[in-house]
């Protein structure tokens, strides 16, 4: 008797095998090291299962979910660590200071506003540089001597002569901070300043240069954070 379905022999057959891409999506999702590949394989597997039948729908979905979770974890880790690089001009995370705190000069971070009675070496200074062991971190909304704008490391293996060290610090800081200073409404009243390693700290491995924005007029203080 003719079939009422209207299909000839062989039409509409469904596979009972587990879809290979579904398995691959699940394994890839478990590994997590191949990024979005598990989600792509899972999507293709679901499409194939929908058209041709077969097992593995759960594996495909699991592969998609696992891959997405790995991607979210990776993004979160990048956001948490993304700014944490002080080498070669990488900006360190901006910090918010709420109360005065005395810290070692090598521990200054981008966003710190400081008071330093000894004074940093300024691009407008004429006196010999002064060795600074510590500074006081204060709220940026209070009068302060400077705001830390950038931190970077020198790459020289041997400590350069004093004049060359000052030049490296000055040039490096201007390259990293001048654009932001120029964006500030009071840019004409702001100068570049910097701290660099002493002979003793260099021997202990210190290569850090700290760039600080200060008032261009000697003896004058800043009273707010710089414009970003």
N, C-alpha and C. Protein backbone atom coordinates (compact mmCIF):
# COMPACT_ATOMS: atom_id res chain seq x y z
N UNK A 1 0.87 -1.19 0.00
CA UNK A 1 0.00 0.00 0.00
C UNK A 1 0.90 1.23 0.00
N UNK A 2 0.57 2.22 -0.83
CA UNK A 2 1.40 3.42 -0.88
C UNK A 2 1.41 4.13 0.46
N UNK A 3 2.53 4.73 0.76
CA UNK A 3 2.67 5.44 2.03
C UNK A 3 1.95 6.77 1.99
N UNK A 4 1.23 7.12 3.07
CA UNK A 4 0.54 8.42 3.14
C UNK A 4 1.51 9.55 3.42
N UNK A 5 2.74 9.21 3.78
CA UNK A 5 3.68 10.28 4.15
C UNK A 5 4.19 11.03 2.95
N UNK A 6 4.15 10.43 1.79
CA UNK A 6 4.64 11.11 0.60
C UNK A 6 6.13 11.01 0.42
N UNK A 7 6.86 10.29 1.30
CA UNK A 7 8.31 10.15 1.19
C UNK A 7 8.64 8.83 0.54
N UNK A 8 9.66 8.87 -0.28
CA UNK A 8 10.15 7.65 -0.92
C UNK A 8 11.10 6.93 0.02
N UNK A 9 11.63 5.81 -0.38
CA UNK A 9 12.55 5.04 0.45
C UNK A 9 13.79 5.85 0.82
N UNK A 10 14.14 5.76 2.06
CA UNK A 10 15.38 6.41 2.51
C UNK A 10 15.20 7.84 2.97
N UNK A 11 14.14 8.53 2.60
CA UNK A 11 13.94 9.93 2.99
C UNK A 11 13.55 10.01 4.45
N UNK A 12 14.05 11.04 5.12
CA UNK A 12 13.68 11.30 6.51
C UNK A 12 14.39 10.41 7.50
N UNK A 13 15.44 9.71 7.11
CA UNK A 13 16.17 8.87 8.06
C UNK A 13 16.94 9.74 9.04
N UNK A 14 17.03 9.32 10.29
CA UNK A 14 17.70 10.08 11.34
C UNK A 14 18.86 9.26 11.92
N UNK A 15 19.97 9.92 12.17
CA UNK A 15 21.13 9.21 12.70
C UNK A 15 21.01 9.04 14.21
N UNK A 16 21.47 7.89 14.70
CA UNK A 16 21.47 7.63 16.14
C UNK A 16 22.87 7.77 16.73
N UNK A 17 23.84 8.15 15.92
CA UNK A 17 25.21 8.28 16.40
C UNK A 17 25.41 9.61 17.13
N UNK A 18 26.37 9.61 18.04
CA UNK A 18 26.73 10.85 18.74
C UNK A 18 27.53 11.74 17.80
N UNK A 19 27.09 12.97 17.67
CA UNK A 19 27.74 13.92 16.77
C UNK A 19 29.18 14.19 17.20
N UNK A 20 30.10 14.02 16.25
CA UNK A 20 31.52 14.20 16.57
C UNK A 20 31.87 15.62 16.99
N UNK A 21 31.23 16.62 16.35
CA UNK A 21 31.52 18.00 16.71
C UNK A 21 31.01 18.33 18.11
N UNK A 22 29.94 17.67 18.52
CA UNK A 22 29.42 17.88 19.87
C UNK A 22 30.45 17.41 20.90
N UNK A 23 31.05 16.27 20.63
CA UNK A 23 32.10 15.76 21.52
C UNK A 23 33.29 16.72 21.54
N UNK A 24 33.69 17.18 20.36
CA UNK A 24 34.82 18.10 20.26
C UNK A 24 34.53 19.42 20.99
N UNK A 25 33.28 19.89 20.89
CA UNK A 25 32.90 21.13 21.57
C UNK A 25 33.02 20.97 23.08
N UNK A 26 32.56 19.83 23.59
CA UNK A 26 32.63 19.58 25.03
C UNK A 26 34.07 19.50 25.52
N UNK A 27 34.90 18.76 24.80
CA UNK A 27 36.30 18.62 25.19
C UNK A 27 37.02 19.97 25.13
N UNK A 28 36.76 20.72 24.07
CA UNK A 28 37.38 22.03 23.92
C UNK A 28 36.93 22.97 25.03
N UNK A 29 35.64 22.90 25.38
CA UNK A 29 35.13 23.73 26.47
C UNK A 29 35.77 23.38 27.80
N UNK A 30 36.03 22.10 28.03
CA UNK A 30 36.69 21.68 29.27
C UNK A 30 38.11 22.22 29.35
N UNK A 31 38.82 22.16 28.23
CA UNK A 31 40.21 22.61 28.21
C UNK A 31 40.30 24.12 28.45
N UNK A 32 39.43 24.86 27.80
CA UNK A 32 39.38 26.30 28.04
C UNK A 32 40.50 27.10 27.42
N UNK A 33 41.48 26.44 26.81
CA UNK A 33 42.65 27.16 26.29
C UNK A 33 42.50 27.57 24.83
N UNK A 34 41.37 27.19 24.23
CA UNK A 34 41.17 27.50 22.81
C UNK A 34 40.11 28.57 22.59
N UNK A 35 39.85 29.32 23.63
CA UNK A 35 38.96 30.47 23.52
C UNK A 35 37.56 30.11 23.09
N UNK A 36 37.08 30.78 22.04
CA UNK A 36 35.70 30.66 21.60
C UNK A 36 35.46 29.45 20.71
N UNK A 37 36.51 28.67 20.43
CA UNK A 37 36.39 27.55 19.51
C UNK A 37 35.33 26.54 19.98
N UNK A 38 35.27 26.28 21.29
CA UNK A 38 34.29 25.33 21.81
C UNK A 38 32.87 25.78 21.53
N UNK A 39 32.62 27.09 21.65
CA UNK A 39 31.28 27.63 21.37
C UNK A 39 30.93 27.49 19.89
N UNK A 40 31.92 27.72 19.03
CA UNK A 40 31.68 27.61 17.58
C UNK A 40 31.36 26.16 17.20
N UNK A 41 32.17 25.23 17.73
CA UNK A 41 31.93 23.82 17.43
C UNK A 41 30.58 23.37 17.96
N UNK A 42 30.21 23.86 19.15
CA UNK A 42 28.92 23.51 19.73
C UNK A 42 27.76 24.01 18.90
N UNK A 43 27.88 25.22 18.38
CA UNK A 43 26.81 25.78 17.56
C UNK A 43 26.64 24.99 16.26
N UNK A 44 27.77 24.62 15.65
CA UNK A 44 27.70 23.82 14.42
C UNK A 44 27.09 22.46 14.70
N UNK A 45 27.48 21.85 15.84
CA UNK A 45 26.95 20.54 16.20
C UNK A 45 25.44 20.59 16.41
N UNK A 46 24.95 21.62 17.09
CA UNK A 46 23.51 21.75 17.31
C UNK A 46 22.77 21.89 15.99
N UNK A 47 23.36 22.62 15.05
CA UNK A 47 22.74 22.79 13.74
C UNK A 47 22.67 21.45 13.00
N UNK A 48 23.75 20.69 13.06
CA UNK A 48 23.78 19.38 12.40
C UNK A 48 22.79 18.42 13.03
N UNK A 49 22.72 18.41 14.37
CA UNK A 49 21.79 17.52 15.07
C UNK A 49 20.35 17.89 14.73
N UNK A 50 20.10 19.19 14.62
CA UNK A 50 18.75 19.62 14.29
C UNK A 50 18.32 19.18 12.90
N UNK A 51 19.27 19.15 11.97
CA UNK A 51 18.94 18.79 10.59
C UNK A 51 18.97 17.28 10.34
N UNK A 52 19.98 16.61 10.91
CA UNK A 52 20.20 15.21 10.58
C UNK A 52 19.91 14.26 11.74
N UNK A 53 19.63 14.83 12.92
CA UNK A 53 19.42 13.99 14.07
C UNK A 53 20.73 13.54 14.67
N UNK A 54 20.64 12.61 15.60
CA UNK A 54 21.83 12.11 16.27
C UNK A 54 21.89 12.56 17.72
N UNK A 55 22.80 11.99 18.45
CA UNK A 55 22.96 12.30 19.85
C UNK A 55 24.04 13.38 20.04
N UNK A 56 24.08 13.93 21.24
CA UNK A 56 25.15 14.87 21.57
C UNK A 56 24.68 16.29 21.79
N UNK A 57 23.37 16.51 21.78
CA UNK A 57 22.87 17.88 21.98
C UNK A 57 23.36 18.45 23.33
N UNK A 58 23.29 17.61 24.37
CA UNK A 58 23.75 18.07 25.69
C UNK A 58 25.23 18.38 25.72
N UNK A 59 26.02 17.55 25.03
CA UNK A 59 27.46 17.81 24.96
C UNK A 59 27.75 19.12 24.25
N UNK A 60 27.02 19.38 23.16
CA UNK A 60 27.23 20.62 22.41
C UNK A 60 26.90 21.84 23.26
N UNK A 61 25.75 21.77 23.96
CA UNK A 61 25.36 22.89 24.82
C UNK A 61 26.37 23.09 25.93
N UNK A 62 26.83 21.99 26.53
CA UNK A 62 27.83 22.09 27.59
C UNK A 62 29.11 22.73 27.08
N UNK A 63 29.52 22.36 25.86
CA UNK A 63 30.72 22.94 25.27
C UNK A 63 30.59 24.45 25.08
N UNK A 64 29.40 24.87 24.64
CA UNK A 64 29.15 26.31 24.44
C UNK A 64 29.22 27.05 25.77
N UNK A 65 28.55 26.50 26.78
CA UNK A 65 28.51 27.15 28.09
C UNK A 65 29.90 27.22 28.71
N UNK A 66 30.64 26.12 28.64
CA UNK A 66 31.99 26.11 29.22
C UNK A 66 32.91 27.11 28.53
N UNK A 67 32.83 27.18 27.20
CA UNK A 67 33.67 28.13 26.47
C UNK A 67 33.34 29.56 26.86
N UNK A 68 32.05 29.85 26.99
CA UNK A 68 31.64 31.20 27.39
C UNK A 68 32.12 31.54 28.79
N UNK A 69 32.07 30.55 29.68
CA UNK A 69 32.56 30.78 31.04
C UNK A 69 34.06 31.08 31.05
N UNK A 70 34.82 30.33 30.25
CA UNK A 70 36.26 30.59 30.17
C UNK A 70 36.54 31.98 29.64
N UNK A 71 35.76 32.41 28.66
CA UNK A 71 35.95 33.75 28.09
C UNK A 71 35.67 34.82 29.13
N UNK A 72 34.58 34.65 29.90
CA UNK A 72 34.24 35.61 30.96
C UNK A 72 35.34 35.67 32.01
N UNK A 73 35.85 34.51 32.40
CA UNK A 73 36.94 34.46 33.39
C UNK A 73 38.19 35.16 32.86
N UNK A 74 38.49 34.94 31.57
CA UNK A 74 39.66 35.57 30.98
C UNK A 74 39.54 37.08 30.95
N UNK A 75 38.33 37.58 30.59
CA UNK A 75 38.12 39.03 30.55
C UNK A 75 38.25 39.62 31.94
N UNK A 76 37.66 38.94 32.94
CA UNK A 76 37.73 39.43 34.31
C UNK A 76 39.18 39.50 34.80
N UNK A 77 39.97 38.47 34.47
CA UNK A 77 41.37 38.46 34.88
C UNK A 77 42.15 39.59 34.22
N UNK A 78 41.84 39.85 32.95
CA UNK A 78 42.53 40.93 32.23
C UNK A 78 42.20 42.29 32.83
N UNK A 79 40.92 42.49 33.18
CA UNK A 79 40.51 43.77 33.76
C UNK A 79 41.20 44.00 35.10
N UNK A 80 41.31 42.92 35.90
CA UNK A 80 41.91 43.05 37.22
C UNK A 80 43.41 43.29 37.15
N UNK A 81 44.08 42.77 36.11
CA UNK A 81 45.52 42.85 36.02
C UNK A 81 46.00 43.77 34.91
N UNK A 82 45.08 44.23 34.06
CA UNK A 82 45.45 44.93 32.84
C UNK A 82 46.33 46.13 33.03
N UNK A 83 46.14 46.90 34.07
CA UNK A 83 46.92 48.11 34.24
C UNK A 83 48.15 47.93 35.05
N UNK A 84 48.43 46.71 35.52
CA UNK A 84 49.52 46.53 36.46
C UNK A 84 50.84 46.28 35.78
N UNK A 85 51.40 47.32 35.17
CA UNK A 85 52.72 47.20 34.53
C UNK A 85 53.45 48.50 34.68
N UNK A 86 54.58 48.48 35.37
CA UNK A 86 55.36 49.70 35.56
C UNK A 86 56.57 49.72 34.66
N UNK A 87 56.80 48.67 33.89
CA UNK A 87 57.97 48.60 33.03
C UNK A 87 57.69 49.25 31.70
N UNK A 88 58.66 50.05 31.23
CA UNK A 88 58.60 50.65 29.90
C UNK A 88 57.36 51.49 29.71
N UNK A 89 57.01 52.27 30.69
CA UNK A 89 55.95 53.24 30.51
C UNK A 89 54.58 52.73 30.80
N UNK A 90 54.39 51.47 31.17
CA UNK A 90 53.06 50.98 31.47
C UNK A 90 52.53 51.68 32.72
N UNK A 91 51.32 52.16 32.66
CA UNK A 91 50.75 52.88 33.78
C UNK A 91 50.33 51.90 34.86
N UNK A 92 50.65 52.21 36.11
CA UNK A 92 50.19 51.40 37.21
C UNK A 92 48.78 51.83 37.58
N UNK A 93 48.03 50.98 38.30
CA UNK A 93 46.66 51.32 38.62
C UNK A 93 46.56 52.62 39.39
N UNK A 94 45.58 53.44 39.03
CA UNK A 94 45.36 54.69 39.74
C UNK A 94 44.83 54.38 41.13
N UNK A 95 45.31 55.12 42.12
CA UNK A 95 44.88 54.89 43.48
C UNK A 95 44.17 56.12 44.00
N UNK A 96 43.30 55.92 44.95
CA UNK A 96 42.60 57.03 45.59
C UNK A 96 43.05 57.11 47.04
N UNK A 97 43.63 58.25 47.41
CA UNK A 97 44.15 58.41 48.75
C UNK A 97 43.17 59.22 49.58
N UNK A 98 42.81 58.75 50.76
CA UNK A 98 41.83 59.44 51.59
C UNK A 98 42.44 60.07 52.82
N UNK A 99 43.64 59.65 53.24
CA UNK A 99 44.26 60.23 54.42
C UNK A 99 45.77 60.22 54.24
N UNK A 100 46.49 61.16 54.91
CA UNK A 100 47.95 61.22 54.77
C UNK A 100 48.61 59.92 55.20
N UNK A 101 49.65 59.56 54.46
CA UNK A 101 50.38 58.33 54.76
C UNK A 101 51.81 58.48 54.27
N UNK A 102 52.76 58.20 55.13
CA UNK A 102 54.17 58.29 54.75
C UNK A 102 54.61 56.97 54.14
N UNK A 103 55.19 57.02 52.94
CA UNK A 103 55.61 55.80 52.26
C UNK A 103 57.02 55.97 51.72
N UNK A 104 57.67 54.84 51.46
CA UNK A 104 58.97 54.85 50.81
C UNK A 104 58.84 55.48 49.42
N UNK A 105 59.83 56.25 49.02
CA UNK A 105 59.75 56.95 47.73
C UNK A 105 59.57 55.97 46.57
N UNK A 106 60.09 54.73 46.70
CA UNK A 106 59.96 53.74 45.63
C UNK A 106 58.57 53.14 45.55
N UNK A 107 57.71 53.43 46.52
CA UNK A 107 56.37 52.85 46.56
C UNK A 107 55.29 53.79 46.01
N UNK A 108 55.69 54.93 45.49
CA UNK A 108 54.70 55.84 44.91
C UNK A 108 54.05 55.19 43.69
N UNK A 109 52.76 55.45 43.52
CA UNK A 109 52.01 54.89 42.41
C UNK A 109 51.27 55.99 41.67
N UNK A 110 50.89 55.70 40.42
CA UNK A 110 50.13 56.65 39.61
C UNK A 110 48.84 57.02 40.34
N UNK A 111 48.59 58.31 40.45
CA UNK A 111 47.40 58.79 41.15
C UNK A 111 47.69 59.29 42.55
N UNK A 112 48.86 58.93 43.09
CA UNK A 112 49.25 59.44 44.41
C UNK A 112 49.52 60.94 44.32
N UNK A 113 49.03 61.69 45.29
CA UNK A 113 49.42 63.08 45.44
C UNK A 113 50.33 63.14 46.66
N UNK A 114 51.43 63.86 46.53
CA UNK A 114 52.48 63.78 47.54
C UNK A 114 52.88 65.15 48.08
N UNK A 115 53.38 65.12 49.30
CA UNK A 115 54.11 66.26 49.87
C UNK A 115 55.52 65.78 50.16
N UNK A 116 56.48 66.55 49.71
CA UNK A 116 57.89 66.16 49.85
C UNK A 116 58.69 67.40 50.23
N UNK A 117 59.05 67.49 51.49
CA UNK A 117 59.76 68.67 51.96
C UNK A 117 61.14 68.83 51.33
N UNK A 118 61.73 67.70 50.88
CA UNK A 118 63.06 67.78 50.28
C UNK A 118 63.00 68.20 48.83
N UNK A 119 61.86 67.92 48.16
CA UNK A 119 61.68 68.33 46.77
C UNK A 119 62.22 67.34 45.79
N UNK A 120 61.46 67.10 44.74
CA UNK A 120 61.92 66.24 43.65
C UNK A 120 62.76 67.04 42.68
N UNK A 121 63.46 66.35 41.80
CA UNK A 121 64.23 67.04 40.76
C UNK A 121 63.27 67.53 39.70
N UNK A 122 63.17 68.80 39.51
CA UNK A 122 62.20 69.37 38.58
C UNK A 122 62.87 69.80 37.29
N UNK A 123 62.08 69.86 36.23
CA UNK A 123 62.62 70.31 34.95
C UNK A 123 62.99 71.78 35.01
N UNK A 124 62.51 72.50 36.03
CA UNK A 124 62.84 73.91 36.15
C UNK A 124 63.82 74.17 37.29
N UNK A 125 64.24 73.08 37.96
CA UNK A 125 65.11 73.26 39.13
C UNK A 125 66.53 73.59 38.71
N UNK A 126 67.22 74.37 39.57
CA UNK A 126 68.61 74.73 39.30
C UNK A 126 69.53 74.15 40.37
N UNK A 127 68.96 73.74 41.51
CA UNK A 127 69.77 73.18 42.59
C UNK A 127 70.16 71.75 42.26
N UNK A 128 71.18 71.24 42.98
CA UNK A 128 71.59 69.85 42.81
C UNK A 128 70.48 68.94 43.32
N UNK A 129 70.33 67.73 42.73
CA UNK A 129 69.28 66.81 43.16
C UNK A 129 69.45 66.40 44.61
N UNK A 130 68.31 66.15 45.27
CA UNK A 130 68.31 65.77 46.67
C UNK A 130 67.83 64.33 46.79
N UNK A 131 68.54 63.54 47.62
CA UNK A 131 68.12 62.16 47.82
C UNK A 131 66.87 62.13 48.71
N UNK A 132 65.88 61.39 48.27
CA UNK A 132 64.60 61.32 48.98
C UNK A 132 64.33 59.87 49.37
N UNK A 133 64.13 59.63 50.64
CA UNK A 133 63.84 58.28 51.10
C UNK A 133 62.35 58.01 51.24
N UNK A 134 61.57 59.05 51.60
CA UNK A 134 60.14 58.85 51.79
C UNK A 134 59.39 60.13 51.46
N UNK A 135 58.11 59.97 51.16
CA UNK A 135 57.23 61.11 50.89
C UNK A 135 55.93 60.87 51.64
N UNK A 136 55.14 61.91 51.77
CA UNK A 136 53.84 61.78 52.42
C UNK A 136 52.74 61.80 51.36
N UNK A 137 51.93 60.74 51.34
CA UNK A 137 50.80 60.66 50.42
C UNK A 137 49.62 61.38 51.05
N UNK A 138 49.01 62.32 50.31
CA UNK A 138 47.89 63.11 50.83
C UNK A 138 46.74 63.10 49.84
N UNK A 139 45.53 63.44 50.27
CA UNK A 139 44.41 63.54 49.33
C UNK A 139 44.68 64.59 48.27
N UNK A 140 44.32 64.28 47.03
CA UNK A 140 44.59 65.20 45.93
C UNK A 140 43.74 66.47 45.99
N UNK A 141 42.71 66.47 46.82
CA UNK A 141 41.87 67.66 46.96
C UNK A 141 42.45 68.64 47.98
N UNK A 142 43.54 68.25 48.65
CA UNK A 142 44.22 69.14 49.58
C UNK A 142 45.50 69.67 48.92
N UNK A 143 46.03 70.79 49.42
CA UNK A 143 47.28 71.30 48.85
C UNK A 143 48.38 70.25 48.89
N UNK A 144 49.08 70.08 47.76
CA UNK A 144 50.13 69.06 47.68
C UNK A 144 51.22 69.51 46.72
N UNK A 145 52.42 68.93 46.91
CA UNK A 145 53.56 69.33 46.09
C UNK A 145 53.51 68.77 44.68
N UNK A 146 52.91 67.59 44.51
CA UNK A 146 52.88 67.00 43.17
C UNK A 146 51.93 65.83 43.08
N UNK A 147 51.64 65.44 41.85
CA UNK A 147 50.80 64.27 41.58
C UNK A 147 51.58 63.30 40.70
N UNK A 148 51.64 62.04 41.11
CA UNK A 148 52.36 61.02 40.34
C UNK A 148 51.60 60.73 39.06
N UNK A 149 52.28 60.91 37.92
CA UNK A 149 51.65 60.78 36.61
C UNK A 149 52.03 59.50 35.89
N UNK A 150 53.23 58.99 36.13
CA UNK A 150 53.69 57.79 35.43
C UNK A 150 54.84 57.17 36.22
N UNK A 151 55.03 55.89 36.02
CA UNK A 151 56.15 55.15 36.62
C UNK A 151 56.72 54.23 35.54
N UNK A 152 58.04 54.25 35.35
CA UNK A 152 58.65 53.36 34.38
C UNK A 152 60.03 52.92 34.87
N UNK A 153 60.57 51.89 34.22
CA UNK A 153 61.87 51.35 34.62
C UNK A 153 62.92 51.63 33.56
N UNK A 154 64.10 51.99 34.02
CA UNK A 154 65.24 52.15 33.12
C UNK A 154 65.77 50.77 32.75
N UNK A 155 66.27 50.64 31.53
CA UNK A 155 66.72 49.33 31.04
C UNK A 155 68.24 49.17 31.07
N UNK A 156 68.96 50.21 31.47
CA UNK A 156 70.41 50.13 31.49
C UNK A 156 70.89 49.10 32.53
N UNK A 157 71.85 48.30 32.16
CA UNK A 157 72.40 47.31 33.09
C UNK A 157 73.37 47.98 34.07
N UNK A 158 74.08 49.01 33.59
CA UNK A 158 75.04 49.73 34.42
C UNK A 158 74.50 51.14 34.66
N UNK A 159 74.61 51.62 35.87
CA UNK A 159 74.09 52.94 36.20
C UNK A 159 74.80 54.02 35.39
N UNK A 160 74.03 54.85 34.64
CA UNK A 160 74.65 55.91 33.84
C UNK A 160 75.20 57.02 34.74
N UNK A 161 76.03 57.88 34.19
CA UNK A 161 76.49 59.05 34.95
C UNK A 161 75.29 59.90 35.37
N UNK A 162 75.46 60.71 36.40
CA UNK A 162 74.36 61.50 36.96
C UNK A 162 73.64 62.34 35.91
N UNK A 163 74.41 63.03 35.06
CA UNK A 163 73.78 63.90 34.06
C UNK A 163 72.94 63.09 33.07
N UNK A 164 73.47 61.94 32.66
CA UNK A 164 72.73 61.10 31.72
C UNK A 164 71.49 60.50 32.39
N UNK A 165 71.61 60.15 33.66
CA UNK A 165 70.48 59.60 34.40
C UNK A 165 69.35 60.62 34.49
N UNK A 166 69.72 61.87 34.78
CA UNK A 166 68.72 62.93 34.83
C UNK A 166 68.06 63.13 33.46
N UNK A 167 68.87 63.06 32.42
CA UNK A 167 68.33 63.25 31.07
C UNK A 167 67.36 62.13 30.70
N UNK A 168 67.72 60.89 31.04
CA UNK A 168 66.83 59.76 30.77
C UNK A 168 65.52 59.90 31.52
N UNK A 169 65.60 60.33 32.78
CA UNK A 169 64.40 60.49 33.58
C UNK A 169 63.53 61.62 33.03
N UNK A 170 64.17 62.75 32.72
CA UNK A 170 63.42 63.90 32.21
C UNK A 170 62.75 63.59 30.87
N UNK A 171 63.50 63.01 29.95
CA UNK A 171 62.95 62.69 28.63
C UNK A 171 61.84 61.65 28.73
N UNK A 172 62.07 60.61 29.55
CA UNK A 172 61.06 59.58 29.71
C UNK A 172 59.78 60.10 30.32
N UNK A 173 59.90 60.98 31.31
CA UNK A 173 58.70 61.52 31.95
C UNK A 173 57.93 62.46 31.02
N UNK A 174 58.65 63.29 30.29
CA UNK A 174 57.95 64.20 29.36
C UNK A 174 57.18 63.41 28.31
N UNK A 175 57.77 62.34 27.82
CA UNK A 175 57.10 61.53 26.80
C UNK A 175 55.83 60.88 27.33
N UNK A 176 55.83 60.56 28.62
CA UNK A 176 54.70 59.84 29.21
C UNK A 176 53.65 60.75 29.83
N UNK A 177 54.00 61.99 30.14
CA UNK A 177 53.07 62.83 30.90
C UNK A 177 52.68 64.15 30.23
N UNK A 178 53.49 64.63 29.28
CA UNK A 178 53.28 65.97 28.76
C UNK A 178 51.92 66.13 28.09
N UNK A 179 51.46 65.09 27.38
CA UNK A 179 50.17 65.19 26.69
C UNK A 179 49.04 65.42 27.68
N UNK A 180 49.08 64.70 28.81
CA UNK A 180 48.03 64.88 29.80
C UNK A 180 48.13 66.24 30.47
N UNK A 181 49.37 66.67 30.78
CA UNK A 181 49.54 68.00 31.36
C UNK A 181 48.97 69.07 30.44
N UNK A 182 49.23 68.94 29.14
CA UNK A 182 48.76 69.93 28.18
C UNK A 182 47.24 69.98 28.10
N UNK A 183 46.55 68.88 28.48
CA UNK A 183 45.09 68.87 28.44
C UNK A 183 44.48 69.59 29.65
N UNK A 184 45.28 69.82 30.67
CA UNK A 184 44.76 70.46 31.87
C UNK A 184 44.54 71.95 31.62
N UNK A 185 43.44 72.51 32.11
CA UNK A 185 43.18 73.95 31.91
C UNK A 185 44.29 74.84 32.46
N UNK A 186 45.01 74.38 33.47
CA UNK A 186 46.08 75.18 34.06
C UNK A 186 47.45 74.69 33.61
N UNK A 187 47.55 74.17 32.39
CA UNK A 187 48.79 73.54 31.91
C UNK A 187 50.00 74.48 31.99
N UNK A 188 49.81 75.76 31.76
CA UNK A 188 50.94 76.69 31.77
C UNK A 188 51.56 76.83 33.16
N UNK A 189 50.81 76.46 34.18
CA UNK A 189 51.32 76.57 35.54
C UNK A 189 51.81 75.25 36.11
N UNK A 190 51.95 74.23 35.23
CA UNK A 190 52.35 72.90 35.68
C UNK A 190 53.65 72.50 35.01
N UNK A 191 54.54 71.89 35.77
CA UNK A 191 55.84 71.45 35.23
C UNK A 191 56.05 69.96 35.51
N UNK A 192 56.95 69.37 34.74
CA UNK A 192 57.34 67.97 34.94
C UNK A 192 58.40 67.88 36.03
N UNK A 193 58.31 66.85 36.84
CA UNK A 193 59.29 66.58 37.87
C UNK A 193 59.50 65.07 37.91
N UNK A 194 60.54 64.61 38.58
CA UNK A 194 60.80 63.17 38.57
C UNK A 194 61.71 62.77 39.73
N UNK A 195 61.56 61.50 40.10
CA UNK A 195 62.47 60.84 41.04
C UNK A 195 63.17 59.72 40.27
N UNK A 196 64.44 59.49 40.57
CA UNK A 196 65.17 58.43 39.90
C UNK A 196 66.10 57.74 40.90
N UNK A 197 66.64 56.58 40.57
CA UNK A 197 67.43 55.81 41.54
C UNK A 197 68.70 56.54 41.98
N UNK A 198 69.06 56.35 43.23
CA UNK A 198 70.35 56.82 43.74
C UNK A 198 71.38 55.70 43.51
N UNK A 199 72.63 56.00 43.77
CA UNK A 199 73.68 54.98 43.60
C UNK A 199 73.43 53.79 44.50
N UNK A 200 73.00 54.06 45.74
CA UNK A 200 72.76 52.97 46.68
C UNK A 200 71.55 52.13 46.28
N UNK A 201 70.46 52.79 45.89
CA UNK A 201 69.25 52.03 45.52
C UNK A 201 69.48 51.27 44.21
N UNK A 202 70.31 51.82 43.32
CA UNK A 202 70.62 51.11 42.07
C UNK A 202 71.30 49.77 42.37
N UNK A 203 72.22 49.79 43.35
CA UNK A 203 72.92 48.56 43.73
C UNK A 203 71.96 47.49 44.23
N UNK A 204 70.84 47.92 44.83
CA UNK A 204 69.86 46.97 45.36
C UNK A 204 68.80 46.59 44.33
N UNK A 205 69.00 47.05 43.07
CA UNK A 205 68.09 46.64 42.00
C UNK A 205 67.06 47.67 41.60
N UNK A 206 67.11 48.85 42.18
CA UNK A 206 66.13 49.89 41.85
C UNK A 206 66.42 50.48 40.47
N UNK A 207 65.43 50.43 39.58
CA UNK A 207 65.55 51.04 38.25
C UNK A 207 64.36 51.95 37.95
N UNK A 208 63.58 52.27 38.97
CA UNK A 208 62.30 52.96 38.77
C UNK A 208 62.47 54.47 38.70
N UNK A 209 61.84 55.05 37.69
CA UNK A 209 61.71 56.51 37.59
C UNK A 209 60.24 56.86 37.83
N UNK A 210 59.98 57.78 38.73
CA UNK A 210 58.62 58.20 39.05
C UNK A 210 58.41 59.62 38.55
N UNK A 211 57.44 59.80 37.68
CA UNK A 211 57.16 61.10 37.07
C UNK A 211 56.07 61.83 37.85
N UNK A 212 56.34 63.07 38.20
CA UNK A 212 55.43 63.83 39.06
C UNK A 212 55.14 65.19 38.42
N UNK A 213 53.88 65.57 38.40
CA UNK A 213 53.49 66.91 37.96
C UNK A 213 53.51 67.84 39.15
N UNK A 214 54.19 68.97 39.01
CA UNK A 214 54.31 69.95 40.10
C UNK A 214 53.95 71.33 39.58
N UNK A 215 53.75 72.25 40.51
CA UNK A 215 53.50 73.64 40.11
C UNK A 215 54.78 74.22 39.51
N UNK A 216 54.62 74.96 38.43
CA UNK A 216 55.78 75.53 37.75
C UNK A 216 56.43 76.64 38.59
N UNK A 217 55.65 77.27 39.44
CA UNK A 217 56.18 78.33 40.31
C UNK A 217 56.74 77.72 41.58
N UNK A 218 58.00 77.98 41.88
CA UNK A 218 58.63 77.40 43.06
C UNK A 218 57.91 77.81 44.33
N UNK A 219 57.67 76.85 45.19
CA UNK A 219 57.01 77.13 46.46
C UNK A 219 55.49 77.05 46.40
N UNK A 220 54.94 76.98 45.19
CA UNK A 220 53.49 76.91 45.05
C UNK A 220 53.04 75.46 45.05
N UNK A 221 51.85 75.18 45.58
CA UNK A 221 51.31 73.84 45.63
C UNK A 221 50.15 73.67 44.68
N UNK A 222 49.89 72.41 44.30
CA UNK A 222 48.69 72.08 43.55
C UNK A 222 47.56 71.87 44.54
N UNK A 223 46.31 72.04 44.09
CA UNK A 223 45.18 71.93 45.01
C UNK A 223 44.08 71.01 44.53
N UNK A 224 44.31 70.34 43.40
CA UNK A 224 43.30 69.43 42.85
C UNK A 224 43.97 68.41 41.96
N UNK A 225 43.29 67.29 41.66
CA UNK A 225 43.85 66.34 40.70
C UNK A 225 43.92 66.97 39.31
N UNK A 226 44.89 66.57 38.53
CA UNK A 226 45.01 67.09 37.17
C UNK A 226 43.86 66.58 36.30
N UNK A 227 43.51 67.38 35.33
CA UNK A 227 42.46 67.00 34.38
C UNK A 227 42.92 65.81 33.56
N UNK A 228 41.99 64.85 33.31
CA UNK A 228 42.35 63.65 32.54
C UNK A 228 41.84 63.76 31.12
